[in-house]
């Protein structure tokens, strides 16, 4: 199994990191990161992931299948865990509303470097995650979102245009739920979230249903501190490509027939994928300008793939996502002091 484009993991991590004055504490606060007019914020994101692959034969495997699976298991063992470390910078700038109330915004994601370690050898990421910028508009009344223009990473333009609206739109719905449920210290809000897996699965499958919990731990000097929790699970069956007909069958096919058509009567092959995991972390939010100051979320995921050849392939993944936020908005200019009258 090969990993997907390295862009998927930092994108997922970046979206996750984004989601994540006065000395008197308010009666109730909400984890409200909804874009506001004039906001200019930046998140510095660090993602560390360790992936370990294992393989073993299932109870119904033949001797030939067991031998092949044993060979794959030895290869995984020799390779050892794969470790990745990525740094990214994500900035968001929000303009002033138009006549209909839509807010223009620009989101820029810049790759700050990364490395991968396989078999004890450390090297730069084989494919550099491209810098990406897009302009969009957001309606705070109903949380509608539309991507208007994408710059950078031409090979990802179609992906961003076709799936970006849905991905960001779902994140904004998460913001909406959190913003509309104020919490007192000790109270929690739990919201559902769908996450795209960092590995591709046949048939386009590869989404995990999660639950995120935000618990208000304390409020101190205008900053709200939250404890984070995540539950992850998945159980799906992904269809595999049907085997092509043999060469002899193709040669005897009627003229004009499809030589590469699936073998007649071939049983469709299906790979069953189950996964479970969880995560814990913390996050802090400055209430005055709704700036996520810092966040950390550690996740552990175990995935089991039951292959049609009676093989079991397991993946263990540990992931640590950290982010630090800062405001880029310029402070308002001080008003000149009024002249005293003589």
C-alpha atoms as a PDB file:
ATOM      1  CA  UNK A   1       0.000   0.000   0.000  1.00  0.00           C
ATOM      2  CA  UNK A   2       1.332   3.437  -0.853  1.00  0.00           C
ATOM      3  CA  UNK A   3       0.555   6.669   0.906  1.00  0.00           C
ATOM      4  CA  UNK A   4      -1.498   9.287  -0.852  1.00  0.00           C
ATOM      5  CA  UNK A   5      -0.025  12.589  -1.934  1.00  0.00           C
ATOM      6  CA  UNK A   6       1.719  14.171   1.075  1.00  0.00           C
ATOM      7  CA  UNK A   7      -0.641  17.106   0.608  1.00  0.00           C
ATOM      8  CA  UNK A   8      -3.568  15.145   2.083  1.00  0.00           C
ATOM      9  CA  UNK A   9      -2.063  14.724   5.529  1.00  0.00           C
ATOM     10  CA  UNK A  10      -1.046  18.366   6.032  1.00  0.00           C
ATOM     11  CA  UNK A  11      -4.366  19.535   4.615  1.00  0.00           C
ATOM     12  CA  UNK A  12      -6.233  17.371   7.066  1.00  0.00           C
ATOM     13  CA  UNK A  13      -4.000  18.558   9.817  1.00  0.00           C
ATOM     14  CA  UNK A  14      -4.371  22.194   8.774  1.00  0.00           C
ATOM     15  CA  UNK A  15      -8.158  21.975   8.748  1.00  0.00           C
ATOM     16  CA  UNK A  16      -8.074  20.305  12.139  1.00  0.00           C
ATOM     17  CA  UNK A  17      -5.763  22.975  13.562  1.00  0.00           C
ATOM     18  CA  UNK A  18      -8.021  25.773  12.282  1.00  0.00           C
ATOM     19  CA  UNK A  19     -11.008  24.123  13.946  1.00  0.00           C
ATOM     20  CA  UNK A  20      -9.298  23.972  16.940  1.00  0.00           C
ATOM     21  CA  UNK A  21      -8.641  41.698  28.015  1.00  0.00           C
ATOM     22  CA  UNK A  22     -10.707  41.442  30.900  1.00  0.00           C
ATOM     23  CA  UNK A  23      -9.735  39.613  34.091  1.00  0.00           C
ATOM     24  CA  UNK A  24     -13.337  38.803  35.040  1.00  0.00           C
ATOM     25  CA  UNK A  25     -14.628  35.519  33.546  1.00  0.00           C
ATOM     26  CA  UNK A  26     -17.906  35.735  31.607  1.00  0.00           C
ATOM     27  CA  UNK A  27     -20.833  33.572  32.719  1.00  0.00           C
ATOM     28  CA  UNK A  28     -20.579  31.405  29.577  1.00  0.00           C
ATOM     29  CA  UNK A  29     -18.376  31.320  26.500  1.00  0.00           C
ATOM     30  CA  UNK A  30     -18.372  29.457  23.200  1.00  0.00           C
ATOM     31  CA  UNK A  31     -15.587  28.142  21.001  1.00  0.00           C
ATOM     32  CA  UNK A  32     -16.470  30.660  18.308  1.00  0.00           C
ATOM     33  CA  UNK A  33     -13.994  30.935  15.421  1.00  0.00           C
ATOM     34  CA  UNK A  34     -16.483  32.158  12.811  1.00  0.00           C
ATOM     35  CA  UNK A  35     -14.790  34.555  10.335  1.00  0.00           C
ATOM     36  CA  UNK A  36     -15.418  38.209  11.158  1.00  0.00           C
ATOM     37  CA  UNK A  37     -14.898  41.313   9.046  1.00  0.00           C
ATOM     38  CA  UNK A  38     -11.366  42.673   9.348  1.00  0.00           C
ATOM     39  CA  UNK A  39      -9.833  39.500  10.798  1.00  0.00           C
ATOM     40  CA  UNK A  40      -6.244  38.731   9.828  1.00  0.00           C
ATOM     41  CA  UNK A  41      -4.872  35.646  11.524  1.00  0.00           C
ATOM     42  CA  UNK A  42      -2.077  33.136  11.025  1.00  0.00           C
ATOM     43  CA  UNK A  43      -1.594  29.626  12.339  1.00  0.00           C
ATOM     44  CA  UNK A  44       1.830  27.958  12.496  1.00  0.00           C
ATOM     45  CA  UNK A  45       1.193  24.224  12.315  1.00  0.00           C
ATOM     46  CA  UNK A  46       3.476  21.321  13.165  1.00  0.00           C
ATOM     47  CA  UNK A  47       2.364  17.775  12.301  1.00  0.00           C
ATOM     48  CA  UNK A  48       4.182  14.644  13.401  1.00  0.00           C
ATOM     49  CA  UNK A  49       2.982  11.196  12.380  1.00  0.00           C
ATOM     50  CA  UNK A  50       4.305   7.672  12.837  1.00  0.00           C
ATOM     51  CA  UNK A  51       2.848   4.874  10.711  1.00  0.00           C
ATOM     52  CA  UNK A  52       3.579   1.178  11.262  1.00  0.00           C
ATOM     53  CA  UNK A  53       2.334  -1.458   8.812  1.00  0.00           C
ATOM     54  CA  UNK A  54       1.847  -5.124   9.703  1.00  0.00           C
ATOM     55  CA  UNK A  55       0.509  -8.152   7.838  1.00  0.00           C
ATOM     56  CA  UNK A  56      -0.643 -11.631   8.843  1.00  0.00           C
ATOM     57  CA  UNK A  57      -2.604 -14.478   7.357  1.00  0.00           C
ATOM     58  CA  UNK A  58      -6.257 -15.006   8.181  1.00  0.00           C
ATOM     59  CA  UNK A  59      -7.724 -18.372   9.206  1.00  0.00           C
ATOM     60  CA  UNK A  60      -8.885 -19.255   5.683  1.00  0.00           C
ATOM     61  CA  UNK A  61      -5.556 -18.639   3.877  1.00  0.00           C
ATOM     62  CA  UNK A  62      -3.971 -21.401   1.788  1.00  0.00           C
ATOM     63  CA  UNK A  63      -0.325 -22.383   2.160  1.00  0.00           C
ATOM     64  CA  UNK A  64       0.551 -20.361  -0.967  1.00  0.00           C
ATOM     65  CA  UNK A  65      -1.285 -17.310   0.352  1.00  0.00           C
ATOM     66  CA  UNK A  66       0.388 -17.682   3.751  1.00  0.00           C
ATOM     67  CA  UNK A  67       3.812 -17.690   2.098  1.00  0.00           C
ATOM     68  CA  UNK A  68       3.087 -14.482   0.195  1.00  0.00           C
ATOM     69  CA  UNK A  69       1.673 -12.775   3.276  1.00  0.00           C
ATOM     70  CA  UNK A  70       4.677 -13.867   5.356  1.00  0.00           C
ATOM     71  CA  UNK A  71       6.976 -12.288   2.767  1.00  0.00           C
ATOM     72  CA  UNK A  72       5.000  -9.018   2.943  1.00  0.00           C
ATOM     73  CA  UNK A  73       5.172  -9.123   6.746  1.00  0.00           C
ATOM     74  CA  UNK A  74       8.959  -9.477   6.623  1.00  0.00           C
ATOM     75  CA  UNK A  75       9.210  -6.484   4.282  1.00  0.00           C
ATOM     76  CA  UNK A  76       7.151  -4.349   6.667  1.00  0.00           C
ATOM     77  CA  UNK A  77       9.268  -5.514   9.594  1.00  0.00           C
ATOM     78  CA  UNK A  78      12.521  -4.628   7.820  1.00  0.00           C
ATOM     79  CA  UNK A  79      11.176  -1.227   6.809  1.00  0.00           C
ATOM     80  CA  UNK A  80      10.093  -0.415  10.354  1.00  0.00           C
ATOM     81  CA  UNK A  81       7.870   2.548  11.205  1.00  0.00           C
ATOM     82  CA  UNK A  82       7.628   5.467   8.826  1.00  0.00           C
ATOM     83  CA  UNK A  83       7.936   8.818  10.578  1.00  0.00           C
ATOM     84  CA  UNK A  84       6.847  12.117   9.058  1.00  0.00           C
ATOM     85  CA  UNK A  85       7.270  15.671  10.277  1.00  0.00           C
ATOM     86  CA  UNK A  86       5.642  18.603   8.465  1.00  0.00           C
ATOM     87  CA  UNK A  87       5.509  22.316   9.174  1.00  0.00           C
ATOM     88  CA  UNK A  88       2.940  24.585   7.603  1.00  0.00           C
ATOM     89  CA  UNK A  89       1.714  28.141   7.838  1.00  0.00           C
ATOM     90  CA  UNK A  90      -1.919  29.002   7.191  1.00  0.00           C
ATOM     91  CA  UNK A  91      -3.177  32.579   7.040  1.00  0.00           C
ATOM     92  CA  UNK A  92      -6.691  33.957   6.699  1.00  0.00           C
ATOM     93  CA  UNK A  93      -7.653  37.509   5.801  1.00  0.00           C
ATOM     94  CA  UNK A  94     -11.283  38.628   5.930  1.00  0.00           C
ATOM     95  CA  UNK A  95     -12.505  41.764   4.169  1.00  0.00           C
ATOM     96  CA  UNK A  96     -15.547  43.944   4.670  1.00  0.00           C
ATOM     97  CA  UNK A  97     -19.072  42.717   3.826  1.00  0.00           C
ATOM     98  CA  UNK A  98     -20.657  43.515   0.484  1.00  0.00           C
ATOM     99  CA  UNK A  99     -24.167  44.842  -0.027  1.00  0.00           C
ATOM    100  CA  UNK A 100     -25.651  41.369   0.551  1.00  0.00           C
ATOM    101  CA  UNK A 101     -23.646  40.663   3.687  1.00  0.00           C
ATOM    102  CA  UNK A 102     -21.092  38.262   2.154  1.00  0.00           C
ATOM    103  CA  UNK A 103     -17.558  38.479   3.562  1.00  0.00           C
ATOM    104  CA  UNK A 104     -14.646  38.131   1.105  1.00  0.00           C
ATOM    105  CA  UNK A 105     -11.776  36.093   2.478  1.00  0.00           C
ATOM    106  CA  UNK A 106      -8.400  34.786   1.365  1.00  0.00           C
ATOM    107  CA  UNK A 107      -6.817  31.624   2.776  1.00  0.00           C
ATOM    108  CA  UNK A 108      -3.149  30.872   2.105  1.00  0.00           C
ATOM    109  CA  UNK A 109      -1.371  27.636   3.015  1.00  0.00           C
ATOM    110  CA  UNK A 110       2.428  27.602   2.749  1.00  0.00           C
ATOM    111  CA  UNK A 111       4.695  24.601   3.122  1.00  0.00           C
ATOM    112  CA  UNK A 112       7.497  25.317   5.605  1.00  0.00           C
ATOM    113  CA  UNK A 113       9.390  22.056   5.153  1.00  0.00           C
ATOM    114  CA  UNK A 114       9.136  18.430   6.087  1.00  0.00           C
ATOM    115  CA  UNK A 115      11.051  15.200   6.377  1.00  0.00           C
ATOM    116  CA  UNK A 116      10.358  11.491   6.363  1.00  0.00           C
ATOM    117  CA  UNK A 117      12.242   8.663   8.038  1.00  0.00           C
ATOM    118  CA  UNK A 118      12.036   5.142   6.620  1.00  0.00           C
ATOM    119  CA  UNK A 119      14.305   2.303   7.656  1.00  0.00           C
ATOM    120  CA  UNK A 120      16.357   4.635   9.812  1.00  0.00           C
ATOM    121  CA  UNK A 121      17.141   6.946   6.888  1.00  0.00           C
ATOM    122  CA  UNK A 122      15.954  10.551   7.094  1.00  0.00           C
ATOM    123  CA  UNK A 123      15.279  12.530   3.932  1.00  0.00           C
ATOM    124  CA  UNK A 124      13.166  15.489   2.771  1.00  0.00           C
ATOM    125  CA  UNK A 125       9.576  14.739   1.820  1.00  0.00           C
ATOM    126  CA  UNK A 126       9.675  13.017  -1.604  1.00  0.00           C
ATOM    127  CA  UNK A 127       7.034  15.381  -2.940  1.00  0.00           C
ATOM    128  CA  UNK A 128       6.955  18.892  -1.558  1.00  0.00           C
ATOM    129  CA  UNK A 129       3.489  19.951  -0.512  1.00  0.00           C
ATOM    130  CA  UNK A 130       2.704  22.899  -2.784  1.00  0.00           C
ATOM    131  CA  UNK A 131       1.832  26.354  -1.541  1.00  0.00           C
ATOM    132  CA  UNK A 132      -1.829  27.053  -2.103  1.00  0.00           C
ATOM    133  CA  UNK A 133      -4.047  30.121  -1.944  1.00  0.00           C
ATOM    134  CA  UNK A 134      -7.721  30.583  -2.631  1.00  0.00           C
ATOM    135  CA  UNK A 135     -10.215  33.396  -2.445  1.00  0.00           C
ATOM    136  CA  UNK A 136     -13.765  32.759  -1.362  1.00  0.00           C
ATOM    137  CA  UNK A 137     -16.773  34.402   0.177  1.00  0.00           C
ATOM    138  CA  UNK A 138     -18.648  33.561   3.358  1.00  0.00           C
ATOM    139  CA  UNK A 139     -22.141  34.498   4.502  1.00  0.00           C
ATOM    140  CA  UNK A 140     -22.294  34.719   8.329  1.00  0.00           C
ATOM    141  CA  UNK A 141     -26.106  34.725   8.219  1.00  0.00           C
ATOM    142  CA  UNK A 142     -26.474  31.129   6.995  1.00  0.00           C
ATOM    143  CA  UNK A 143     -22.782  30.009   6.951  1.00  0.00           C
ATOM    144  CA  UNK A 144     -22.848  29.574   3.154  1.00  0.00           C
ATOM    145  CA  UNK A 145     -19.391  29.330   1.573  1.00  0.00           C
ATOM    146  CA  UNK A 146     -18.159  29.567  -2.041  1.00  0.00           C
ATOM    147  CA  UNK A 147     -14.621  29.165  -3.395  1.00  0.00           C
ATOM    148  CA  UNK A 148     -14.075  31.671  -6.207  1.00  0.00           C
ATOM    149  CA  UNK A 149     -10.452  31.348  -7.303  1.00  0.00           C
ATOM    150  CA  UNK A 150      -7.548  28.965  -6.630  1.00  0.00           C
ATOM    151  CA  UNK A 151      -3.896  29.862  -7.109  1.00  0.00           C
ATOM    152  CA  UNK A 152      -0.926  27.512  -6.963  1.00  0.00           C
ATOM    153  CA  UNK A 153      -0.812  23.714  -7.264  1.00  0.00           C
ATOM    154  CA  UNK A 154      -2.510  23.426 -10.684  1.00  0.00           C
ATOM    155  CA  UNK A 155      -2.807  19.657 -10.241  1.00  0.00           C
ATOM    156  CA  UNK A 156      -5.016  20.272  -7.181  1.00  0.00           C
ATOM    157  CA  UNK A 157      -7.267  22.927  -8.697  1.00  0.00           C
ATOM    158  CA  UNK A 158      -9.947  20.457  -9.763  1.00  0.00           C
ATOM    159  CA  UNK A 159      -9.840  18.753  -6.354  1.00  0.00           C
ATOM    160  CA  UNK A 160     -10.152  22.054  -4.489  1.00  0.00           C
ATOM    161  CA  UNK A 161     -12.943  23.307  -6.730  1.00  0.00           C
ATOM    162  CA  UNK A 162     -14.929  20.055  -6.616  1.00  0.00           C
ATOM    163  CA  UNK A 163     -14.419  19.122  -2.951  1.00  0.00           C
ATOM    164  CA  UNK A 164     -13.121  22.280  -1.305  1.00  0.00           C
ATOM    165  CA  UNK A 165     -16.564  23.845  -0.887  1.00  0.00           C
ATOM    166  CA  UNK A 166     -17.861  20.697   0.783  1.00  0.00           C
ATOM    167  CA  UNK A 167     -14.801  20.287   3.038  1.00  0.00           C
ATOM    168  CA  UNK A 168     -14.682  23.884   4.236  1.00  0.00           C
ATOM    169  CA  UNK A 169     -18.468  24.061   4.360  1.00  0.00           C
ATOM    170  CA  UNK A 170     -18.522  21.123   6.756  1.00  0.00           C
ATOM    171  CA  UNK A 171     -15.857  22.774   8.932  1.00  0.00           C
ATOM    172  CA  UNK A 172     -17.947  25.953   9.010  1.00  0.00           C
ATOM    173  CA  UNK A 173     -20.979  23.970  10.139  1.00  0.00           C
ATOM    174  CA  UNK A 174     -18.810  22.720  12.995  1.00  0.00           C
ATOM    175  CA  UNK A 175     -17.956  26.341  13.845  1.00  0.00           C
ATOM    176  CA  UNK A 176     -21.675  27.157  13.710  1.00  0.00           C
ATOM    177  CA  UNK A 177     -22.634  24.435  16.182  1.00  0.00           C
ATOM    178  CA  UNK A 178     -19.850  25.433  18.583  1.00  0.00           C
ATOM    179  CA  UNK A 179     -20.653  29.138  18.312  1.00  0.00           C
ATOM    180  CA  UNK A 180     -24.308  28.574  19.112  1.00  0.00           C
ATOM    181  CA  UNK A 181     -23.760  26.465  22.230  1.00  0.00           C
ATOM    182  CA  UNK A 182     -22.238  28.571  25.016  1.00  0.00           C
ATOM    183  CA  UNK A 183     -20.572  26.636  27.825  1.00  0.00           C
ATOM    184  CA  UNK A 184     -19.936  27.259  31.478  1.00  0.00           C
ATOM    185  CA  UNK A 185     -16.763  25.965  33.123  1.00  0.00           C
ATOM    186  CA  UNK A 186     -16.978  22.171  33.266  1.00  0.00           C
ATOM    187  CA  UNK A 187     -19.589  21.896  30.498  1.00  0.00           C
ATOM    188  CA  UNK A 188     -18.971  20.184  27.151  1.00  0.00           C
ATOM    189  CA  UNK A 189     -20.205  20.344  23.585  1.00  0.00           C
ATOM    190  CA  UNK A 190     -19.950  17.272  21.346  1.00  0.00           C
ATOM    191  CA  UNK A 191     -20.207  17.626  17.587  1.00  0.00           C
ATOM    192  CA  UNK A 192     -19.858  15.140  14.696  1.00  0.00           C
ATOM    193  CA  UNK A 193     -17.076  15.506  12.145  1.00  0.00           C
ATOM    194  CA  UNK A 194     -16.128  13.593   8.994  1.00  0.00           C
ATOM    195  CA  UNK A 195     -12.408  13.207   8.308  1.00  0.00           C
ATOM    196  CA  UNK A 196     -10.781  12.125   5.044  1.00  0.00           C
ATOM    197  CA  UNK A 197      -8.185   9.425   5.635  1.00  0.00           C
ATOM    198  CA  UNK A 198      -4.531  10.085   4.721  1.00  0.00           C
ATOM    199  CA  UNK A 199      -4.462   6.896   2.617  1.00  0.00           C
ATOM    200  CA  UNK A 200      -6.515   6.163  -0.514  1.00  0.00           C
ATOM    201  CA  UNK A 201      -8.978   3.274  -0.613  1.00  0.00           C
ATOM    202  CA  UNK A 202     -10.490   1.587  -3.698  1.00  0.00           C
ATOM    203  CA  UNK A 203     -13.803   2.886  -4.893  1.00  0.00           C
ATOM    204  CA  UNK A 204     -13.181   6.331  -3.437  1.00  0.00           C
ATOM    205  CA  UNK A 205     -13.901   5.127   0.097  1.00  0.00           C
ATOM    206  CA  UNK A 206     -11.914   6.647   2.895  1.00  0.00           C
ATOM    207  CA  UNK A 207     -13.957   8.742   5.289  1.00  0.00           C
ATOM    208  CA  UNK A 208     -14.083   8.296   9.023  1.00  0.00           C
ATOM    209  CA  UNK A 209     -16.894   9.413  11.293  1.00  0.00           C
ATOM    210  CA  UNK A 210     -15.626  11.230  14.357  1.00  0.00           C
ATOM    211  CA  UNK A 211     -16.989  12.977  17.418  1.00  0.00           C
ATOM    212  CA  UNK A 212     -15.247  16.034  18.824  1.00  0.00           C
ATOM    213  CA  UNK A 213     -15.747  17.144  22.407  1.00  0.00           C
ATOM    214  CA  UNK A 214     -14.910  20.631  23.660  1.00  0.00           C
ATOM    215  CA  UNK A 215     -14.944  21.019  27.439  1.00  0.00           C
ATOM    216  CA  UNK A 216     -14.464  24.482  28.923  1.00  0.00           C
ATOM    217  CA  UNK A 217     -11.736  24.094  31.540  1.00  0.00           C
ATOM    218  CA  UNK A 218     -11.314  27.692  32.665  1.00  0.00           C
ATOM    219  CA  UNK A 219     -11.351  31.344  31.602  1.00  0.00           C
ATOM    220  CA  UNK A 220      -8.424  33.527  32.638  1.00  0.00           C
ATOM    221  CA  UNK A 221      -7.589  37.100  31.603  1.00  0.00           C
ATOM    222  CA  UNK A 222      -9.805  37.024  28.538  1.00  0.00           C
ATOM    223  CA  UNK A 223      -8.588  33.602  27.311  1.00  0.00           C
ATOM    224  CA  UNK A 224     -10.796  30.506  27.321  1.00  0.00           C
ATOM    225  CA  UNK A 225      -9.053  27.153  27.793  1.00  0.00           C
ATOM    226  CA  UNK A 226     -10.646  23.977  26.471  1.00  0.00           C
ATOM    227  CA  UNK A 227      -9.947  20.266  26.867  1.00  0.00           C
ATOM    228  CA  UNK A 228     -10.403  18.372  23.588  1.00  0.00           C
ATOM    229  CA  UNK A 229     -11.465  14.780  23.021  1.00  0.00           C
ATOM    230  CA  UNK A 230     -12.021  12.807  19.833  1.00  0.00           C
ATOM    231  CA  UNK A 231     -13.570   9.402  19.106  1.00  0.00           C
ATOM    232  CA  UNK A 232     -12.902   7.854  15.695  1.00  0.00           C
ATOM    233  CA  UNK A 233     -14.417   4.773  14.086  1.00  0.00           C
ATOM    234  CA  UNK A 234     -15.063   3.310  10.651  1.00  0.00           C
ATOM    235  CA  UNK A 235     -16.467   0.063   9.240  1.00  0.00           C
ATOM    236  CA  UNK A 236     -16.833  -0.176   5.472  1.00  0.00           C
ATOM    237  CA  UNK A 237     -16.436  -2.503   2.522  1.00  0.00           C
ATOM    238  CA  UNK A 238     -14.486  -1.169  -0.442  1.00  0.00           C
ATOM    239  CA  UNK A 239     -14.908  -2.914  -3.818  1.00  0.00           C
ATOM    240  CA  UNK A 240     -11.714  -3.981  -5.565  1.00  0.00           C
ATOM    241  CA  UNK A 241     -11.240  -3.912  -9.377  1.00  0.00           C
ATOM    242  CA  UNK A 242     -12.646  -7.065 -10.962  1.00  0.00           C
ATOM    243  CA  UNK A 243     -10.020  -9.397 -12.513  1.00  0.00           C
ATOM    244  CA  UNK A 244      -9.704  -9.113 -16.294  1.00  0.00           C
ATOM    245  CA  UNK A 245     -10.523 -12.042 -18.528  1.00  0.00           C
ATOM    246  CA  UNK A 246      -7.682 -14.384 -19.413  1.00  0.00           C
ATOM    247  CA  UNK A 247      -5.769 -13.984 -22.682  1.00  0.00           C
ATOM    248  CA  UNK A 248      -7.362 -17.139 -24.083  1.00  0.00           C
ATOM    249  CA  UNK A 249     -10.836 -15.852 -23.304  1.00  0.00           C
ATOM    250  CA  UNK A 250      -9.989 -12.492 -24.831  1.00  0.00           C
ATOM    251  CA  UNK A 251      -8.734 -14.152 -28.015  1.00  0.00           C
ATOM    252  CA  UNK A 252     -11.964 -16.088 -28.408  1.00  0.00           C
ATOM    253  CA  UNK A 253     -14.174 -13.087 -27.687  1.00  0.00           C
ATOM    254  CA  UNK A 254     -16.536 -12.046 -30.525  1.00  0.00           C
ATOM    255  CA  UNK A 255     -15.249  -9.358 -32.852  1.00  0.00           C
ATOM    256  CA  UNK A 256     -15.843  -5.969 -31.357  1.00  0.00           C
ATOM    257  CA  UNK A 257     -16.071  -7.434 -27.844  1.00  0.00           C
ATOM    258  CA  UNK A 258     -14.148  -5.940 -24.929  1.00  0.00           C
ATOM    259  CA  UNK A 259     -10.887  -7.873 -24.592  1.00  0.00           C
ATOM    260  CA  UNK A 260     -10.300  -6.562 -21.082  1.00  0.00           C
ATOM    261  CA  UNK A 261     -13.797  -7.130 -19.747  1.00  0.00           C
ATOM    262  CA  UNK A 262     -14.088  -8.828 -16.353  1.00  0.00           C
ATOM    263  CA  UNK A 263     -14.078 -12.609 -16.446  1.00  0.00           C
ATOM    264  CA  UNK A 264     -17.564 -14.038 -16.795  1.00  0.00           C
ATOM    265  CA  UNK A 265     -18.982 -15.248 -13.526  1.00  0.00           C
ATOM    266  CA  UNK A 266     -16.120 -13.722 -11.533  1.00  0.00           C
ATOM    267  CA  UNK A 267     -17.069 -13.100  -7.912  1.00  0.00           C
ATOM    268  CA  UNK A 268     -16.732  -9.412  -6.999  1.00  0.00           C
ATOM    269  CA  UNK A 269     -13.882  -8.912  -4.559  1.00  0.00           C
ATOM    270  CA  UNK A 270     -14.360  -6.727  -1.530  1.00  0.00           C
ATOM    271  CA  UNK A 271     -11.923  -5.418   1.048  1.00  0.00           C
ATOM    272  CA  UNK A 272     -13.361  -4.831   4.511  1.00  0.00           C
ATOM    273  CA  UNK A 273     -11.853  -1.957   6.460  1.00  0.00           C
ATOM    274  CA  UNK A 274     -12.387  -1.287  10.150  1.00  0.00           C
ATOM    275  CA  UNK A 275     -10.729   1.399  12.224  1.00  0.00           C
ATOM    276  CA  UNK A 276     -10.981   2.821  15.682  1.00  0.00           C
ATOM    277  CA  UNK A 277      -9.076   5.361  17.661  1.00  0.00           C
ATOM    278  CA  UNK A 278      -9.208   8.466  19.743  1.00  0.00           C
ATOM    279  CA  UNK A 279      -7.453  11.656  20.631  1.00  0.00           C
ATOM    280  CA  UNK A 280      -6.945  14.070  23.498  1.00  0.00           C
ATOM    281  CA  UNK A 281      -5.625  17.592  23.616  1.00  0.00           C
ATOM    282  CA  UNK A 282      -6.068  21.189  24.660  1.00  0.00           C
ATOM    283  CA  UNK A 283      -6.889  24.479  22.983  1.00  0.00           C
ATOM    284  CA  UNK A 284      -6.996  28.131  23.998  1.00  0.00           C
ATOM    285  CA  UNK A 285      -9.064  30.907  22.455  1.00  0.00           C
ATOM    286  CA  UNK A 286      -8.625  34.653  22.962  1.00  0.00           C
ATOM    287  CA  UNK A 287     -12.146  35.955  23.342  1.00  0.00           C
ATOM    288  CA  UNK A 288     -11.571  39.575  22.279  1.00  0.00           C
ATOM    289  CA  UNK A 289     -10.743  38.753  18.655  1.00  0.00           C
ATOM    290  CA  UNK A 290     -11.576  35.000  18.601  1.00  0.00           C
ATOM    291  CA  UNK A 291      -7.982  34.024  17.903  1.00  0.00           C
ATOM    292  CA  UNK A 292      -7.023  30.371  18.545  1.00  0.00           C
ATOM    293  CA  UNK A 293      -3.811  31.007  20.491  1.00  0.00           C
ATOM    294  CA  UNK A 294      -2.539  27.448  20.787  1.00  0.00           C
ATOM    295  CA  UNK A 295      -3.765  23.900  20.356  1.00  0.00           C
ATOM    296  CA  UNK A 296      -2.442  20.370  20.600  1.00  0.00           C
ATOM    297  CA  UNK A 297      -4.201  17.146  19.686  1.00  0.00           C
ATOM    298  CA  UNK A 298      -2.644  13.689  19.927  1.00  0.00           C
ATOM    299  CA  UNK A 299      -4.436  10.925  18.037  1.00  0.00           C
ATOM    300  CA  UNK A 300      -3.969   7.162  17.930  1.00  0.00           C
ATOM    301  CA  UNK A 301      -5.599   5.135  15.134  1.00  0.00           C
ATOM    302  CA  UNK A 302      -5.628   1.401  14.401  1.00  0.00           C
ATOM    303  CA  UNK A 303      -6.890   0.228  11.021  1.00  0.00           C
ATOM    304  CA  UNK A 304      -7.447  -3.377   9.883  1.00  0.00           C
ATOM    305  CA  UNK A 305      -7.954  -4.312   6.239  1.00  0.00           C
ATOM    306  CA  UNK A 306      -9.308  -7.782   5.437  1.00  0.00           C
ATOM    307  CA  UNK A 307      -8.128  -8.654   1.941  1.00  0.00           C
ATOM    308  CA  UNK A 308      -9.839 -11.114  -0.461  1.00  0.00           C
ATOM    309  CA  UNK A 309      -6.738 -13.365  -0.348  1.00  0.00           C
ATOM    310  CA  UNK A 310      -7.413 -13.996   3.373  1.00  0.00           C
ATOM    311  CA  UNK A 311      -4.671 -11.616   4.369  1.00  0.00           C
ATOM    312  CA  UNK A 312      -4.951  -9.086   7.165  1.00  0.00           C
ATOM    313  CA  UNK A 313      -3.121  -5.788   6.808  1.00  0.00           C
ATOM    314  CA  UNK A 314      -2.928  -3.554   9.866  1.00  0.00           C
ATOM    315  CA  UNK A 315      -1.875   0.053  10.154  1.00  0.00           C
ATOM    316  CA  UNK A 316      -1.089   1.781  13.440  1.00  0.00           C
ATOM    317  CA  UNK A 317      -0.827   5.559  13.247  1.00  0.00           C
ATOM    318  CA  UNK A 318       0.122   8.060  15.942  1.00  0.00           C
ATOM    319  CA  UNK A 319      -0.418  11.685  14.999  1.00  0.00           C
ATOM    320  CA  UNK A 320       0.417  14.861  16.917  1.00  0.00           C
ATOM    321  CA  UNK A 321      -0.943  18.168  15.588  1.00  0.00           C
ATOM    322  CA  UNK A 322       0.148  21.420  17.221  1.00  0.00           C
ATOM    323  CA  UNK A 323      -0.676  24.971  16.225  1.00  0.00           C
ATOM    324  CA  UNK A 324       0.150  28.472  17.424  1.00  0.00           C
ATOM    325  CA  UNK A 325      -1.893  31.458  16.363  1.00  0.00           C
ATOM    326  CA  UNK A 326      -1.147  35.130  15.996  1.00  0.00           C
ATOM    327  CA  UNK A 327      -3.108  38.129  14.824  1.00  0.00           C
ATOM    328  CA  UNK A 328      -1.857  40.012  11.764  1.00  0.00           C
ATOM    329  CA  UNK A 329      -4.397  42.804  12.047  1.00  0.00           C
ATOM    330  CA  UNK A 330      -2.893  46.219  12.610  1.00  0.00           C
ATOM    331  CA  UNK A 331      -4.026  47.889  15.830  1.00  0.00           C
ATOM    332  CA  UNK A 332      -6.338  50.813  15.370  1.00  0.00           C
ATOM    333  CA  UNK A 333      -4.554  54.129  15.272  1.00  0.00           C
ATOM    334  CA  UNK A 334      -4.901  56.132  18.451  1.00  0.00           C
ATOM    335  CA  UNK A 335      -7.096  59.191  18.175  1.00  0.00           C
ATOM    336  CA  UNK A 336      -5.193  62.453  18.608  1.00  0.00           C
ATOM    337  CA  UNK A 337      -5.724  64.053  21.964  1.00  0.00           C
ATOM    338  CA  UNK A 338      -8.146  66.947  21.952  1.00  0.00           C
ATOM    339  CA  UNK A 339      -6.529  70.350  22.365  1.00  0.00           C
ATOM    340  CA  UNK A 340      -7.288  72.100  25.606  1.00  0.00           C
ATOM    341  CA  UNK A 341      -8.999  75.439  25.341  1.00  0.00           C
ATOM    342  CA  UNK A 342      -7.186  78.347  26.877  1.00  0.00           C
END
